[in-house]
Amino acid sequence: MCETDYSGYPDCRDNTLKALQVAISLGLDSPMTIETPLMWLTKAQTWQLSHELGGEALNELIIEHTHTCYLGDRAHRHAWGYGCGTCPACALRREGFDAFRQQG
């Protein structure tokens, strides 16, 4: 989850997560933290981080076993993973993957 996901999805904003953290802490009557380590990274930086942590094998695992598509499309596999390729979530993932590939 990161701010660059916002693109019309307010559930991906830092303020939303902070509000959820407060609400859950109140409901539990105990402090808790929602960790969002990717919040301030671009999609390209996230791909780079996964490459640094696990190399091409980790990136391939992400491509094969995750998807971002808000239409839930698992029929079309692209270089960046599964998805319709046209929704805003797919566009963000594709653009981030392309930028990561251009860096390296």
Foldseek 3Di string as FASTA:
>chain_A
DEPVLPPPPVCLAPVNQVVVQVVVCVVVVHHDHDDDPCHHPALLVVLVVQCVVPNPVSQVCCQEPDDFEPVPAQPDRDPQHGYPCPDPRNVRSVVSVVVNVVVD
